[in-house]
């Protein structure tokens, strides 16, 4: 183990993994299974925010997670889909392509590559220290605002309304005008899912409330044939994604339109990852390198974007999952949106 740790440090690989304590491997496996149990339903939900097919959310917890584990330095940071960057992505692609279309997904992948370019450029210039100048209060305020915006935008879906309007205020006004068309089945299902998700978190943060809610909703939908009354997800494509670059024409005018959105995503990625890594490194007296994490984050974004062809993973980085070793012989698992 000592030799592997030395090699990992020399070549900046597996810094967040090595050295491995054999006695902790069973607990690491449990933590990984817990991560998957919580992440799968969440990333499927984030695709609703980003406007990409559901399967793209599942793709974001495959190659990107593996790439960051190899090239990152934090032992407590895992990359995946995130509501903040999903909302930024959706806002940046308004008017450029029909939501959910092949062109839209390709542009989303292009955004992921451009965001990765900003991240890797920051690594080359050793700009990891920039995160020190991003106020935590500003970041928390921004993420809170995004959360409120996303929640308000989902009212129509929760009530089974047709939905319409542009922007948050436009959507709220549209929902108010259509309130008489509320689907009672959709409203009850939404309230039950919220109750299970929030209630489980109140009882214990170790209980995967979102996973329980999703499984319960699927079981009830099948048993009661709720597809007759509400829109259901339908068949999710199976199999592994094809690897390839997004099918877009790389022209300066297109890059100029996408660059501000990609840069905004880069800032959020940098701020969230650095804040989480720094907090847990200080808590457990561990070393981490912001610049090394930038390499992992950049490659994770490229890995997400390059699973293209008929489906693309789109640019949905990065929800920060923290797997934290407890004092007892087990793991506490907590998700933190910094």
Foldseek 3Di string as FASTA:
>chain_A
DVVVCVVCVVVQWQLLPPPDDVLQVVQVVVLVVLCCLQQLLVLLVLCVLLLEASVLQVQLQPVLQVLLSTQFNFNFWGFGFDNLLSNLNNVLCVPVDPRHDLVSQLVLLVLLLLLLVVLLVCLVVVVLCVLVVDDPVVLVVSVVVSVVQVVLQCPCQQFVHPFDADGSVGRNVVCVVRVVVGQPVSNVLSVVLVCQCVVVVVVPQSDSSNSVSVVVVVVCCVVVVCVVRHPDSPDDDDDAFAFAARPDDDDPVSCVSSNVSSVVSNVLQSNQVVVVRVVQCVVVVHDGRSSSSSNSSSVSSNSQSRSGDPHGSGRRMGFTWTWAPDPPSHIDTDGDRD
